[in-house]
Amino acid sequence: MGWDNPRLDGTARLARESGARGTSTGALYTAEERRRRDESVWTTIQGVLAPLQFLVFLISLVLVIRFLMSGEGAGAADISVVIKTLTLYTIMITGSVWEKVVFDRWLFAPAFFWEDVFSMLVLALHTLYLVMLFGGFGSVEARMMVALAAYAAYVINAGQFLLKLRAARLQAAPNNTVVA
């Protein structure tokens, strides 16, 4: 099957396209996408929500680890994970709107395909935690381990996005000079 075969299914086509963009051999944004990104209020919203979510994550991580080490503070840890999950849902929804504005796709734009794929795992783990909490499934310890798995996935996903942010800055730099 050739790369330009019209029978290539959508997922494979998106995966192929994502490999062609956002790498050292392709531009992360076209000039038009960069213009839409720079003019969009959703870019600012994402720029505010991302560090806020990271702060909520750090606080929650401390509370979850505290519970796992001491057996104390399960309620505080649960509340913190719920707040972290709500911030995740918020950033995912606004990020989807951002992708629609910039790339004309709600999710899985070629430039962010793999980040979005991994984000689905992050969402699934956070949602599993909520199902366990509100459905009364499993022990508190098991629930907190799911939270830790969700947080590990979140850190990986955040790293993916930070690498894309760096790539975008390098792409925007005149004469490919490094921009901090």
C-alpha atoms as a PDB file:
ATOM      1  CA  MET A   1       0.000   0.000   0.000  1.00  0.00           C
ATOM      2  CA  GLY A   2       1.435   3.387  -0.971  1.00  0.00           C
ATOM      3  CA  TRP A   3       1.379   6.416   1.330  1.00  0.00           C
ATOM      4  CA  ASP A   4      -0.980   8.278  -0.952  1.00  0.00           C
ATOM      5  CA  ASN A   5      -3.426   5.381  -1.223  1.00  0.00           C
ATOM      6  CA  PRO A   6      -6.951   6.780  -0.681  1.00  0.00           C
ATOM      7  CA  ARG A   7      -7.939   3.493   0.989  1.00  0.00           C
ATOM      8  CA  LEU A   8      -5.507   4.131   3.848  1.00  0.00           C
ATOM      9  CA  ASP A   9      -7.693   4.349   6.945  1.00  0.00           C
ATOM     10  CA  GLY A  10      -7.964   7.622   8.885  1.00  0.00           C
ATOM     11  CA  THR A  11      -5.880   6.531  11.877  1.00  0.00           C
ATOM     12  CA  ALA A  12      -3.014   5.318   9.727  1.00  0.00           C
ATOM     13  CA  ARG A  13      -3.205   8.460   7.593  1.00  0.00           C
ATOM     14  CA  LEU A  14      -3.112  10.679  10.703  1.00  0.00           C
ATOM     15  CA  ALA A  15      -0.195   8.734  12.129  1.00  0.00           C
ATOM     16  CA  ARG A  16       1.690   9.103   8.836  1.00  0.00           C
ATOM     17  CA  GLU A  17       0.918  12.830   8.667  1.00  0.00           C
ATOM     18  CA  SER A  18       1.977  13.355  12.286  1.00  0.00           C
ATOM     19  CA  GLY A  19       5.318  11.789  11.490  1.00  0.00           C
ATOM     20  CA  ALA A  20       5.820  14.277   8.676  1.00  0.00           C
ATOM     21  CA  ARG A  21       5.076  17.343  10.801  1.00  0.00           C
ATOM     22  CA  GLY A  22       6.414  18.413  14.154  1.00  0.00           C
ATOM     23  CA  THR A  23       9.720  16.657  13.619  1.00  0.00           C
ATOM     24  CA  SER A  24      13.132  17.960  12.790  1.00  0.00           C
ATOM     25  CA  THR A  25      12.316  17.437   9.117  1.00  0.00           C
ATOM     26  CA  GLY A  26       8.927  19.189   9.064  1.00  0.00           C
ATOM     27  CA  ALA A  27       7.414  22.374  10.396  1.00  0.00           C
ATOM     28  CA  LEU A  28       5.182  22.133  13.438  1.00  0.00           C
ATOM     29  CA  TYR A  29       2.884  24.890  12.158  1.00  0.00           C
ATOM     30  CA  THR A  30       2.172  26.301   8.743  1.00  0.00           C
ATOM     31  CA  ALA A  31       2.294  30.087   8.519  1.00  0.00           C
ATOM     32  CA  GLU A  32      -1.528  30.213   8.662  1.00  0.00           C
ATOM     33  CA  GLU A  33      -1.694  27.865  11.672  1.00  0.00           C
ATOM     34  CA  ARG A  34       0.932  29.951  13.464  1.00  0.00           C
ATOM     35  CA  ARG A  35      -1.122  33.094  12.788  1.00  0.00           C
ATOM     36  CA  ARG A  36      -4.295  31.451  14.142  1.00  0.00           C
ATOM     37  CA  ARG A  37      -2.372  30.162  17.167  1.00  0.00           C
ATOM     38  CA  ASP A  38      -0.926  33.575  17.944  1.00  0.00           C
ATOM     39  CA  GLU A  39      -4.274  35.354  17.532  1.00  0.00           C
ATOM     40  CA  SER A  40      -6.360  32.854  19.495  1.00  0.00           C
ATOM     41  CA  VAL A  41      -7.515  33.537  23.043  1.00  0.00           C
ATOM     42  CA  TRP A  42      -7.361  29.754  23.513  1.00  0.00           C
ATOM     43  CA  THR A  43      -3.564  29.912  23.324  1.00  0.00           C
ATOM     44  CA  THR A  44      -3.557  32.228  26.333  1.00  0.00           C
ATOM     45  CA  ILE A  45      -6.083  30.042  28.143  1.00  0.00           C
ATOM     46  CA  GLN A  46      -3.900  26.967  27.592  1.00  0.00           C
ATOM     47  CA  GLY A  47      -0.868  28.956  28.756  1.00  0.00           C
ATOM     48  CA  VAL A  48      -2.648  29.760  32.039  1.00  0.00           C
ATOM     49  CA  LEU A  49      -4.248  26.347  32.593  1.00  0.00           C
ATOM     50  CA  ALA A  50      -1.114  24.259  31.998  1.00  0.00           C
ATOM     51  CA  PRO A  51       0.938  25.645  34.916  1.00  0.00           C
ATOM     52  CA  LEU A  52      -2.184  25.747  37.105  1.00  0.00           C
ATOM     53  CA  GLN A  53      -2.790  22.070  36.405  1.00  0.00           C
ATOM     54  CA  PHE A  54       0.855  21.324  37.193  1.00  0.00           C
ATOM     55  CA  LEU A  55       0.575  23.111  40.552  1.00  0.00           C
ATOM     56  CA  VAL A  56      -2.596  21.150  41.385  1.00  0.00           C
ATOM     57  CA  PHE A  57      -0.756  17.972  40.355  1.00  0.00           C
ATOM     58  CA  LEU A  58       2.190  18.700  42.675  1.00  0.00           C
ATOM     59  CA  ILE A  59      -0.061  19.378  45.673  1.00  0.00           C
ATOM     60  CA  SER A  60      -2.132  16.284  44.962  1.00  0.00           C
ATOM     61  CA  LEU A  61       0.946  14.127  44.456  1.00  0.00           C
ATOM     62  CA  VAL A  62       2.226  15.119  47.894  1.00  0.00           C
ATOM     63  CA  LEU A  63      -1.158  14.318  49.462  1.00  0.00           C
ATOM     64  CA  VAL A  64      -1.432  10.940  47.711  1.00  0.00           C
ATOM     65  CA  ILE A  65       2.114   9.941  48.689  1.00  0.00           C
ATOM     66  CA  ARG A  66       1.489  11.149  52.243  1.00  0.00           C
ATOM     67  CA  PHE A  67      -1.546   8.886  52.464  1.00  0.00           C
ATOM     68  CA  LEU A  68       0.292   5.900  50.998  1.00  0.00           C
ATOM     69  CA  MET A  69       3.205   6.346  53.401  1.00  0.00           C
ATOM     70  CA  SER A  70       1.268   7.149  56.577  1.00  0.00           C
ATOM     71  CA  GLY A  71      -2.299   5.982  56.026  1.00  0.00           C
ATOM     72  CA  GLU A  72      -3.461   9.470  56.962  1.00  0.00           C
ATOM     73  CA  GLY A  73      -5.284  12.053  54.900  1.00  0.00           C
ATOM     74  CA  ALA A  74      -7.269   9.836  52.525  1.00  0.00           C
ATOM     75  CA  GLY A  75     -10.036  12.438  52.324  1.00  0.00           C
ATOM     76  CA  ALA A  76      -7.639  15.253  51.445  1.00  0.00           C
ATOM     77  CA  ALA A  77      -5.910  13.051  48.884  1.00  0.00           C
ATOM     78  CA  ASP A  78      -9.266  12.099  47.305  1.00  0.00           C
ATOM     79  CA  ILE A  79     -10.360  15.730  47.084  1.00  0.00           C
ATOM     80  CA  SER A  80      -7.025  16.701  45.529  1.00  0.00           C
ATOM     81  CA  VAL A  81      -7.257  13.971  42.882  1.00  0.00           C
ATOM     82  CA  VAL A  82     -10.816  15.033  42.030  1.00  0.00           C
ATOM     83  CA  ILE A  83      -9.632  18.640  41.648  1.00  0.00           C
ATOM     84  CA  LYS A  84      -6.675  17.469  39.517  1.00  0.00           C
ATOM     85  CA  THR A  85      -9.061  15.442  37.344  1.00  0.00           C
ATOM     86  CA  LEU A  86     -11.389  18.410  36.892  1.00  0.00           C
ATOM     87  CA  THR A  87      -8.443  20.603  35.853  1.00  0.00           C
ATOM     88  CA  LEU A  88      -7.390  17.872  33.422  1.00  0.00           C
ATOM     89  CA  TYR A  89     -10.877  17.714  31.898  1.00  0.00           C
ATOM     90  CA  THR A  90     -10.889  21.507  31.615  1.00  0.00           C
ATOM     91  CA  ILE A  91      -7.529  21.675  29.877  1.00  0.00           C
ATOM     92  CA  MET A  92      -8.518  18.808  27.565  1.00  0.00           C
ATOM     93  CA  ILE A  93     -11.750  20.527  26.524  1.00  0.00           C
ATOM     94  CA  THR A  94     -10.102  23.907  26.004  1.00  0.00           C
ATOM     95  CA  GLY A  95      -7.173  22.210  24.260  1.00  0.00           C
ATOM     96  CA  SER A  96      -9.576  20.541  21.886  1.00  0.00           C
ATOM     97  CA  VAL A  97     -11.124  23.917  21.097  1.00  0.00           C
ATOM     98  CA  TRP A  98      -7.602  25.295  20.586  1.00  0.00           C
ATOM     99  CA  GLU A  99      -6.815  22.490  18.116  1.00  0.00           C
ATOM    100  CA  LYS A 100     -10.057  23.213  16.244  1.00  0.00           C
ATOM    101  CA  VAL A 101      -9.175  26.904  15.972  1.00  0.00           C
ATOM    102  CA  VAL A 102      -5.539  26.342  14.971  1.00  0.00           C
ATOM    103  CA  PHE A 103      -5.693  23.092  12.960  1.00  0.00           C
ATOM    104  CA  ASP A 104      -9.418  22.782  12.132  1.00  0.00           C
ATOM    105  CA  ARG A 105      -9.612  19.441  14.001  1.00  0.00           C
ATOM    106  CA  TRP A 106     -11.055  18.871  17.448  1.00  0.00           C
ATOM    107  CA  LEU A 107      -8.371  16.328  18.299  1.00  0.00           C
ATOM    108  CA  PHE A 108      -5.573  14.354  16.671  1.00  0.00           C
ATOM    109  CA  ALA A 109      -4.261  17.184  14.509  1.00  0.00           C
ATOM    110  CA  PRO A 110      -1.169  15.800  12.780  1.00  0.00           C
ATOM    111  CA  ALA A 111       1.189  18.115  14.680  1.00  0.00           C
ATOM    112  CA  PHE A 112      -0.136  16.837  18.033  1.00  0.00           C
ATOM    113  CA  PHE A 113      -1.318  13.346  17.097  1.00  0.00           C
ATOM    114  CA  TRP A 114       0.820  11.324  19.527  1.00  0.00           C
ATOM    115  CA  GLU A 115       0.364  13.812  22.350  1.00  0.00           C
ATOM    116  CA  ASP A 116      -3.410  13.490  21.918  1.00  0.00           C
ATOM    117  CA  VAL A 117      -3.209   9.696  21.766  1.00  0.00           C
ATOM    118  CA  PHE A 118      -1.298   9.622  25.057  1.00  0.00           C
ATOM    119  CA  SER A 119      -3.708  12.188  26.522  1.00  0.00           C
ATOM    120  CA  MET A 120      -6.465   9.606  26.058  1.00  0.00           C
ATOM    121  CA  LEU A 121      -4.551   7.247  28.382  1.00  0.00           C
ATOM    122  CA  VAL A 122      -4.145  10.057  30.915  1.00  0.00           C
ATOM    123  CA  LEU A 123      -7.896  10.772  30.735  1.00  0.00           C
ATOM    124  CA  ALA A 124      -8.769   7.082  31.046  1.00  0.00           C
ATOM    125  CA  LEU A 125      -6.658   6.640  34.183  1.00  0.00           C
ATOM    126  CA  HIS A 126      -8.042   9.770  35.846  1.00  0.00           C
ATOM    127  CA  THR A 127     -11.569   8.674  34.941  1.00  0.00           C
ATOM    128  CA  LEU A 128     -10.913   5.193  36.332  1.00  0.00           C
ATOM    129  CA  TYR A 129      -9.959   6.852  39.596  1.00  0.00           C
ATOM    130  CA  LEU A 130     -13.295   8.711  39.677  1.00  0.00           C
ATOM    131  CA  VAL A 131     -15.203   5.513  38.881  1.00  0.00           C
ATOM    132  CA  MET A 132     -13.413   3.758  41.732  1.00  0.00           C
ATOM    133  CA  LEU A 133     -14.036   6.655  44.122  1.00  0.00           C
ATOM    134  CA  PHE A 134     -17.685   7.330  43.348  1.00  0.00           C
ATOM    135  CA  GLY A 135     -18.564   3.708  42.569  1.00  0.00           C
ATOM    136  CA  GLY A 136     -16.952   2.373  45.707  1.00  0.00           C
ATOM    137  CA  PHE A 137     -14.727  -0.070  43.795  1.00  0.00           C
ATOM    138  CA  GLY A 138     -11.458  -1.320  45.246  1.00  0.00           C
ATOM    139  CA  SER A 139      -9.592  -0.255  48.350  1.00  0.00           C
ATOM    140  CA  VAL A 140      -8.418   3.258  49.095  1.00  0.00           C
ATOM    141  CA  GLU A 141      -4.867   2.054  48.524  1.00  0.00           C
ATOM    142  CA  ALA A 142      -5.767   0.609  45.107  1.00  0.00           C
ATOM    143  CA  ARG A 143      -7.458   3.875  44.183  1.00  0.00           C
ATOM    144  CA  MET A 144      -4.372   5.858  45.191  1.00  0.00           C
ATOM    145  CA  MET A 145      -2.184   3.547  43.093  1.00  0.00           C
ATOM    146  CA  VAL A 146      -4.435   4.313  40.108  1.00  0.00           C
ATOM    147  CA  ALA A 147      -3.925   8.002  40.913  1.00  0.00           C
ATOM    148  CA  LEU A 148      -0.160   7.476  40.859  1.00  0.00           C
ATOM    149  CA  ALA A 149      -0.393   5.674  37.512  1.00  0.00           C
ATOM    150  CA  ALA A 150      -2.515   8.544  36.184  1.00  0.00           C
ATOM    151  CA  TYR A 151       0.053  11.023  37.459  1.00  0.00           C
ATOM    152  CA  ALA A 152       2.960   9.136  35.891  1.00  0.00           C
ATOM    153  CA  ALA A 153       1.112   9.170  32.555  1.00  0.00           C
ATOM    154  CA  TYR A 154       0.386  12.881  33.046  1.00  0.00           C
ATOM    155  CA  VAL A 155       4.095  13.645  33.574  1.00  0.00           C
ATOM    156  CA  ILE A 156       4.996  11.803  30.358  1.00  0.00           C
ATOM    157  CA  ASN A 157       2.237  13.622  28.475  1.00  0.00           C
ATOM    158  CA  ALA A 158       3.289  16.996  29.884  1.00  0.00           C
ATOM    159  CA  GLY A 159       6.828  16.223  28.717  1.00  0.00           C
ATOM    160  CA  GLN A 160       5.507  15.528  25.212  1.00  0.00           C
ATOM    161  CA  PHE A 161       3.812  18.920  25.131  1.00  0.00           C
ATOM    162  CA  LEU A 162       6.882  20.696  26.504  1.00  0.00           C
ATOM    163  CA  LEU A 163       8.968  19.175  23.717  1.00  0.00           C
ATOM    164  CA  LYS A 164       6.417  20.487  21.180  1.00  0.00           C
ATOM    165  CA  LEU A 165       6.516  23.923  22.786  1.00  0.00           C
ATOM    166  CA  ARG A 166      10.284  23.901  22.458  1.00  0.00           C
ATOM    167  CA  ALA A 167      10.013  22.774  18.827  1.00  0.00           C
ATOM    168  CA  ALA A 168       7.569  25.603  18.137  1.00  0.00           C
ATOM    169  CA  ARG A 169       9.950  28.127  19.674  1.00  0.00           C
ATOM    170  CA  LEU A 170      12.860  26.768  17.645  1.00  0.00           C
ATOM    171  CA  GLN A 171      10.751  26.890  14.481  1.00  0.00           C
ATOM    172  CA  ALA A 172       9.791  30.497  15.171  1.00  0.00           C
ATOM    173  CA  ALA A 173      13.367  31.596  15.892  1.00  0.00           C
ATOM    174  CA  PRO A 174      14.943  33.624  13.076  1.00  0.00           C
ATOM    175  CA  ASN A 175      17.745  31.746  11.316  1.00  0.00           C
ATOM    176  CA  ASN A 176      17.047  28.748  13.592  1.00  0.00           C
ATOM    177  CA  THR A 177      18.773  30.351  16.565  1.00  0.00           C
ATOM    178  CA  VAL A 178      17.917  28.793  19.887  1.00  0.00           C
ATOM    179  CA  VAL A 179      15.231  30.619  21.850  1.00  0.00           C
ATOM    180  CA  ALA A 180      15.019  29.786  25.546  1.00  0.00           C
END
